[in-house]
Amino acid sequence: MADIVSKLWTLIDLQIPLVATDMETYLLKEGIFTQDDLNKFKEISKSIKRAYYALQRDPEDAIKTLKK
């Protein structure tokens, strides 16, 4: 379980902000991604954050959230 927490925190703390910045400042403006792609990415980011915080309460629910 500690490994999952560590990996989710790495996503939340390091990778998601970098990808979001790249998408908003370069990839969206260049036409590589659409606004719909950016919205999907934001929803996925929210799901990852919900799963991270749910791990303490209900690990099963967190796993289901990540699978979805």
PDB file of N, CA and C in Angstrom:
ATOM      1  N   MET A   1       0.824  -1.195   0.000  1.00  0.00           N
ATOM      2  CA  MET A   1       0.000   0.000   0.000  1.00  0.00           C
ATOM      3  C   MET A   1       0.870   1.261   0.000  1.00  0.00           C
ATOM      4  N   ALA A   2       1.985   1.212   0.696  1.00  0.00           N
ATOM      5  CA  ALA A   2       2.871   2.374   0.732  1.00  0.00           C
ATOM      6  C   ALA A   2       3.394   2.698  -0.660  1.00  0.00           C
ATOM      7  N   ASP A   3       3.579   1.653  -1.475  1.00  0.00           N
ATOM      8  CA  ASP A   3       4.056   1.858  -2.834  1.00  0.00           C
ATOM      9  C   ASP A   3       3.019   2.607  -3.674  1.00  0.00           C
ATOM     10  N   ILE A   4       1.761   2.264  -3.492  1.00  0.00           N
ATOM     11  CA  ILE A   4       0.681   2.947  -4.220  1.00  0.00           C
ATOM     12  C   ILE A   4       0.610   4.403  -3.796  1.00  0.00           C
ATOM     13  N   VAL A   5       0.686   4.641  -2.499  1.00  0.00           N
ATOM     14  CA  VAL A   5       0.647   6.011  -1.987  1.00  0.00           C
ATOM     15  C   VAL A   5       1.799   6.822  -2.570  1.00  0.00           C
ATOM     16  N   SER A   6       2.972   6.233  -2.591  1.00  0.00           N
ATOM     17  CA  SER A   6       4.148   6.918  -3.126  1.00  0.00           C
ATOM     18  C   SER A   6       3.984   7.240  -4.613  1.00  0.00           C
ATOM     19  N   LYS A   7       3.483   6.295  -5.378  1.00  0.00           N
ATOM     20  CA  LYS A   7       3.310   6.514  -6.816  1.00  0.00           C
ATOM     21  C   LYS A   7       2.232   7.564  -7.093  1.00  0.00           C
ATOM     22  N   LEU A   8       1.141   7.513  -6.346  1.00  0.00           N
ATOM     23  CA  LEU A   8       0.095   8.514  -6.536  1.00  0.00           C
ATOM     24  C   LEU A   8       0.604   9.902  -6.159  1.00  0.00           C
ATOM     25  N   TRP A   9       1.370   9.980  -5.061  1.00  0.00           N
ATOM     26  CA  TRP A   9       1.888  11.280  -4.651  1.00  0.00           C
ATOM     27  C   TRP A   9       2.857  11.830  -5.699  1.00  0.00           C
ATOM     28  N   THR A  10       3.652  10.973  -6.298  1.00  0.00           N
ATOM     29  CA  THR A  10       4.558  11.408  -7.360  1.00  0.00           C
ATOM     30  C   THR A  10       3.767  11.971  -8.531  1.00  0.00           C
ATOM     31  N   LEU A  11       2.688  11.302  -8.881  1.00  0.00           N
ATOM     32  CA  LEU A  11       1.823  11.815  -9.949  1.00  0.00           C
ATOM     33  C   LEU A  11       1.258  13.185  -9.597  1.00  0.00           C
ATOM     34  N   ILE A  12       0.707  13.290  -8.389  1.00  0.00           N
ATOM     35  CA  ILE A  12       0.049  14.523  -7.961  1.00  0.00           C
ATOM     36  C   ILE A  12       1.048  15.661  -7.824  1.00  0.00           C
ATOM     37  N   ASP A  13       2.186  15.378  -7.230  1.00  0.00           N
ATOM     38  CA  ASP A  13       3.136  16.425  -6.892  1.00  0.00           C
ATOM     39  C   ASP A  13       4.030  16.829  -8.067  1.00  0.00           C
ATOM     40  N   LEU A  14       4.407  15.890  -8.903  1.00  0.00           N
ATOM     41  CA  LEU A  14       5.390  16.191  -9.942  1.00  0.00           C
ATOM     42  C   LEU A  14       4.857  16.101 -11.360  1.00  0.00           C
ATOM     43  N   GLN A  15       4.231  15.005 -11.693  1.00  0.00           N
ATOM     44  CA  GLN A  15       3.923  14.746 -13.092  1.00  0.00           C
ATOM     45  C   GLN A  15       2.670  15.462 -13.594  1.00  0.00           C
ATOM     46  N   ILE A  16       1.608  15.444 -12.823  1.00  0.00           N
ATOM     47  CA  ILE A  16       0.369  16.085 -13.275  1.00  0.00           C
ATOM     48  C   ILE A  16       0.571  17.586 -13.524  1.00  0.00           C
ATOM     49  N   PRO A  17       1.222  18.314 -12.608  1.00  0.00           N
ATOM     50  CA  PRO A  17       1.430  19.744 -12.890  1.00  0.00           C
ATOM     51  C   PRO A  17       2.260  20.009 -14.151  1.00  0.00           C
ATOM     52  N   LEU A  18       3.266  19.186 -14.394  1.00  0.00           N
ATOM     53  CA  LEU A  18       4.082  19.376 -15.595  1.00  0.00           C
ATOM     54  C   LEU A  18       3.290  19.123 -16.868  1.00  0.00           C
ATOM     55  N   VAL A  19       2.531  18.052 -16.873  1.00  0.00           N
ATOM     56  CA  VAL A  19       1.725  17.733 -18.063  1.00  0.00           C
ATOM     57  C   VAL A  19       0.651  18.799 -18.268  1.00  0.00           C
ATOM     58  N   ALA A  20       0.022  19.238 -17.189  1.00  0.00           N
ATOM     59  CA  ALA A  20      -1.014  20.268 -17.309  1.00  0.00           C
ATOM     60  C   ALA A  20      -0.434  21.552 -17.889  1.00  0.00           C
ATOM     61  N   THR A  21       0.720  21.942 -17.427  1.00  0.00           N
ATOM     62  CA  THR A  21       1.361  23.150 -17.945  1.00  0.00           C
ATOM     63  C   THR A  21       1.706  22.992 -19.423  1.00  0.00           C
ATOM     64  N   ASP A  22       2.272  21.855 -19.775  1.00  0.00           N
ATOM     65  CA  ASP A  22       2.591  21.611 -21.187  1.00  0.00           C
ATOM     66  C   ASP A  22       1.340  21.635 -22.053  1.00  0.00           C
ATOM     67  N   MET A  23       0.281  21.019 -21.577  1.00  0.00           N
ATOM     68  CA  MET A  23      -0.952  20.972 -22.362  1.00  0.00           C
ATOM     69  C   MET A  23      -1.523  22.368 -22.550  1.00  0.00           C
ATOM     70  N   GLU A  24      -1.548  23.144 -21.468  1.00  0.00           N
ATOM     71  CA  GLU A  24      -2.173  24.462 -21.535  1.00  0.00           C
ATOM     72  C   GLU A  24      -1.335  25.477 -22.297  1.00  0.00           C
ATOM     73  N   THR A  25      -0.011  25.403 -22.182  1.00  0.00           N
ATOM     74  CA  THR A  25       0.816  26.448 -22.778  1.00  0.00           C
ATOM     75  C   THR A  25       1.322  26.116 -24.173  1.00  0.00           C
ATOM     76  N   TYR A  26       1.461  24.858 -24.486  1.00  0.00           N
ATOM     77  CA  TYR A  26       2.052  24.520 -25.779  1.00  0.00           C
ATOM     78  C   TYR A  26       1.164  23.598 -26.611  1.00  0.00           C
ATOM     79  N   LEU A  27       0.838  22.461 -26.066  1.00  0.00           N
ATOM     80  CA  LEU A  27       0.172  21.422 -26.856  1.00  0.00           C
ATOM     81  C   LEU A  27      -1.222  21.838 -27.316  1.00  0.00           C
ATOM     82  N   LEU A  28      -1.945  22.550 -26.479  1.00  0.00           N
ATOM     83  CA  LEU A  28      -3.279  23.012 -26.856  1.00  0.00           C
ATOM     84  C   LEU A  28      -3.183  24.115 -27.911  1.00  0.00           C
ATOM     85  N   LYS A  29      -2.261  25.034 -27.721  1.00  0.00           N
ATOM     86  CA  LYS A  29      -2.115  26.143 -28.660  1.00  0.00           C
ATOM     87  C   LYS A  29      -1.591  25.689 -30.015  1.00  0.00           C
ATOM     88  N   GLU A  30      -0.790  24.647 -30.023  1.00  0.00           N
ATOM     89  CA  GLU A  30      -0.256  24.124 -31.281  1.00  0.00           C
ATOM     90  C   GLU A  30      -1.246  23.212 -32.005  1.00  0.00           C
ATOM     91  N   GLY A  31      -2.337  22.874 -31.346  1.00  0.00           N
ATOM     92  CA  GLY A  31      -3.352  22.039 -31.970  1.00  0.00           C
ATOM     93  C   GLY A  31      -3.119  20.546 -31.818  1.00  0.00           C
ATOM     94  N   ILE A  32      -2.144  20.175 -31.004  1.00  0.00           N
ATOM     95  CA  ILE A  32      -1.869  18.756 -30.786  1.00  0.00           C
ATOM     96  C   ILE A  32      -2.979  18.133 -29.939  1.00  0.00           C
ATOM     97  N   PHE A  33      -3.473  18.892 -28.966  1.00  0.00           N
ATOM     98  CA  PHE A  33      -4.600  18.470 -28.139  1.00  0.00           C
ATOM     99  C   PHE A  33      -5.729  19.473 -28.294  1.00  0.00           C
ATOM    100  N   THR A  34      -6.941  19.003 -28.050  1.00  0.00           N
ATOM    101  CA  THR A  34      -8.109  19.884 -28.097  1.00  0.00           C
ATOM    102  C   THR A  34      -8.519  20.245 -26.673  1.00  0.00           C
ATOM    103  N   GLN A  35      -9.446  21.150 -26.580  1.00  0.00           N
ATOM    104  CA  GLN A  35      -9.969  21.535 -25.263  1.00  0.00           C
ATOM    105  C   GLN A  35     -10.639  20.334 -24.592  1.00  0.00           C
ATOM    106  N   ASP A  36     -11.272  19.478 -25.378  1.00  0.00           N
ATOM    107  CA  ASP A  36     -11.877  18.267 -24.818  1.00  0.00           C
ATOM    108  C   ASP A  36     -10.818  17.359 -24.204  1.00  0.00           C
ATOM    109  N   ASP A  37      -9.672  17.241 -24.861  1.00  0.00           N
ATOM    110  CA  ASP A  37      -8.574  16.445 -24.308  1.00  0.00           C
ATOM    111  C   ASP A  37      -8.099  17.026 -22.980  1.00  0.00           C
ATOM    112  N   LEU A  38      -7.986  18.334 -22.921  1.00  0.00           N
ATOM    113  CA  LEU A  38      -7.564  18.996 -21.686  1.00  0.00           C
ATOM    114  C   LEU A  38      -8.587  18.764 -20.573  1.00  0.00           C
ATOM    115  N   ASN A  39      -9.866  18.846 -20.912  1.00  0.00           N
ATOM    116  CA  ASN A  39     -10.911  18.603 -19.908  1.00  0.00           C
ATOM    117  C   ASN A  39     -10.867  17.166 -19.396  1.00  0.00           C
ATOM    118  N   LYS A  40     -10.635  16.209 -20.288  1.00  0.00           N
ATOM    119  CA  LYS A  40     -10.507  14.807 -19.872  1.00  0.00           C
ATOM    120  C   LYS A  40      -9.315  14.631 -18.948  1.00  0.00           C
ATOM    121  N   PHE A  41      -8.204  15.279 -19.285  1.00  0.00           N
ATOM    122  CA  PHE A  41      -7.012  15.205 -18.445  1.00  0.00           C
ATOM    123  C   PHE A  41      -7.295  15.767 -17.051  1.00  0.00           C
ATOM    124  N   LYS A  42      -8.025  16.868 -16.988  1.00  0.00           N
ATOM    125  CA  LYS A  42      -8.352  17.457 -15.687  1.00  0.00           C
ATOM    126  C   LYS A  42      -9.232  16.520 -14.867  1.00  0.00           C
ATOM    127  N   GLU A  43     -10.175  15.848 -15.516  1.00  0.00           N
ATOM    128  CA  GLU A  43     -11.029  14.887 -14.809  1.00  0.00           C
ATOM    129  C   GLU A  43     -10.210  13.707 -14.287  1.00  0.00           C
ATOM    130  N   ILE A  44      -9.286  13.230 -15.105  1.00  0.00           N
ATOM    131  CA  ILE A  44      -8.420  12.132 -14.671  1.00  0.00           C
ATOM    132  C   ILE A  44      -7.566  12.572 -13.488  1.00  0.00           C
ATOM    133  N   SER A  45      -7.060  13.791 -13.544  1.00  0.00           N
ATOM    134  CA  SER A  45      -6.257  14.323 -12.440  1.00  0.00           C
ATOM    135  C   SER A  45      -7.068  14.366 -11.145  1.00  0.00           C
ATOM    136  N   LYS A  46      -8.313  14.799 -11.259  1.00  0.00           N
ATOM    137  CA  LYS A  46      -9.183  14.838 -10.078  1.00  0.00           C
ATOM    138  C   LYS A  46      -9.423  13.438  -9.534  1.00  0.00           C
ATOM    139  N   SER A  47      -9.604  12.469 -10.412  1.00  0.00           N
ATOM    140  CA  SER A  47      -9.819  11.087  -9.977  1.00  0.00           C
ATOM    141  C   SER A  47      -8.597  10.545  -9.249  1.00  0.00           C
ATOM    142  N   ILE A  48      -7.423  10.860  -9.748  1.00  0.00           N
ATOM    143  CA  ILE A  48      -6.192  10.414  -9.091  1.00  0.00           C
ATOM    144  C   ILE A  48      -6.088  11.034  -7.700  1.00  0.00           C
ATOM    145  N   LYS A  49      -6.408  12.305  -7.585  1.00  0.00           N
ATOM    146  CA  LYS A  49      -6.363  12.969  -6.274  1.00  0.00           C
ATOM    147  C   LYS A  49      -7.390  12.373  -5.320  1.00  0.00           C
ATOM    148  N   ARG A  50      -8.603  12.099  -5.836  1.00  0.00           N
ATOM    149  CA  ARG A  50      -9.632  11.469  -4.983  1.00  0.00           C
ATOM    150  C   ARG A  50      -9.167  10.105  -4.502  1.00  0.00           C
ATOM    151  N   ALA A  51      -8.548   9.349  -5.388  1.00  0.00           N
ATOM    152  CA  ALA A  51      -8.058   8.015  -5.020  1.00  0.00           C
ATOM    153  C   ALA A  51      -6.967   8.119  -3.950  1.00  0.00           C
ATOM    154  N   TYR A  52      -6.095   9.094  -4.099  1.00  0.00           N
ATOM    155  CA  TYR A  52      -5.017   9.274  -3.123  1.00  0.00           C
ATOM    156  C   TYR A  52      -5.590   9.527  -1.728  1.00  0.00           C
ATOM    157  N   TYR A  53      -6.554  10.430  -1.632  1.00  0.00           N
ATOM    158  CA  TYR A  53      -7.137  10.746  -0.332  1.00  0.00           C
ATOM    159  C   TYR A  53      -8.052   9.634   0.177  1.00  0.00           C
ATOM    160  N   ALA A  54      -8.624   8.852  -0.727  1.00  0.00           N
ATOM    161  CA  ALA A  54      -9.507   7.752  -0.325  1.00  0.00           C
ATOM    162  C   ALA A  54      -8.724   6.550   0.194  1.00  0.00           C
ATOM    163  N   LEU A  55      -7.441   6.465  -0.131  1.00  0.00           N
ATOM    164  CA  LEU A  55      -6.640   5.319   0.316  1.00  0.00           C
ATOM    165  C   LEU A  55      -6.645   5.158   1.832  1.00  0.00           C
ATOM    166  N   GLN A  56      -6.672   6.246   2.551  1.00  0.00           N
ATOM    167  CA  GLN A  56      -6.659   6.178   4.004  1.00  0.00           C
ATOM    168  C   GLN A  56      -7.986   5.643   4.553  1.00  0.00           C
ATOM    169  N   ARG A  57      -9.085   6.040   3.932  1.00  0.00           N
ATOM    170  CA  ARG A  57     -10.405   5.633   4.400  1.00  0.00           C
ATOM    171  C   ARG A  57     -10.793   4.251   3.890  1.00  0.00           C
ATOM    172  N   ASP A  58     -10.692   4.091   2.578  1.00  0.00           N
ATOM    173  CA  ASP A  58     -11.197   2.878   1.932  1.00  0.00           C
ATOM    174  C   ASP A  58     -10.314   2.502   0.747  1.00  0.00           C
ATOM    175  N   PRO A  59      -9.308   1.682   0.975  1.00  0.00           N
ATOM    176  CA  PRO A  59      -8.403   1.312  -0.117  1.00  0.00           C
ATOM    177  C   PRO A  59      -9.104   0.649  -1.302  1.00  0.00           C
ATOM    178  N   GLU A  60     -10.134  -0.127  -1.033  1.00  0.00           N
ATOM    179  CA  GLU A  60     -10.877  -0.780  -2.127  1.00  0.00           C
ATOM    180  C   GLU A  60     -11.512   0.252  -3.052  1.00  0.00           C
ATOM    181  N   ASP A  61     -12.103   1.283  -2.472  1.00  0.00           N
ATOM    182  CA  ASP A  61     -12.728   2.332  -3.251  1.00  0.00           C
ATOM    183  C   ASP A  61     -11.684   3.094  -4.071  1.00  0.00           C
ATOM    184  N   ALA A  62     -10.528   3.299  -3.480  1.00  0.00           N
ATOM    185  CA  ALA A  62      -9.454   3.995  -4.197  1.00  0.00           C
ATOM    186  C   ALA A  62      -9.007   3.208  -5.412  1.00  0.00           C
ATOM    187  N   ILE A  63      -8.879   1.908  -5.263  1.00  0.00           N
ATOM    188  CA  ILE A  63      -8.472   1.054  -6.384  1.00  0.00           C
ATOM    189  C   ILE A  63      -9.532   1.082  -7.480  1.00  0.00           C
ATOM    190  N   LYS A  64     -10.799   1.046  -7.105  1.00  0.00           N
ATOM    191  CA  LYS A  64     -11.874   1.099  -8.095  1.00  0.00           C
ATOM    192  C   LYS A  64     -11.844   2.421  -8.844  1.00  0.00           C
ATOM    193  N   THR A  65     -11.585   3.510  -8.119  1.00  0.00           N
ATOM    194  CA  THR A  65     -11.509   4.822  -8.756  1.00  0.00           C
ATOM    195  C   THR A  65     -10.379   4.870  -9.771  1.00  0.00           C
ATOM    196  N   LEU A  66      -9.238   4.299  -9.422  1.00  0.00           N
ATOM    197  CA  LEU A  66      -8.102   4.304 -10.340  1.00  0.00           C
ATOM    198  C   LEU A  66      -8.368   3.433 -11.558  1.00  0.00           C
ATOM    199  N   LYS A  67      -9.025   2.329 -11.373  1.00  0.00           N
ATOM    200  CA  LYS A  67      -9.322   1.449 -12.511  1.00  0.00           C
ATOM    201  C   LYS A  67     -10.290   2.106 -13.479  1.00  0.00           C
ATOM    202  N   LYS A  68     -11.231   2.851 -12.925  1.00  0.00           N
ATOM    203  CA  LYS A  68     -12.229   3.509 -13.766  1.00  0.00           C
ATOM    204  C   LYS A  68     -11.573   4.589 -14.592  1.00  0.00           C
TER     205      LYS A  68
END
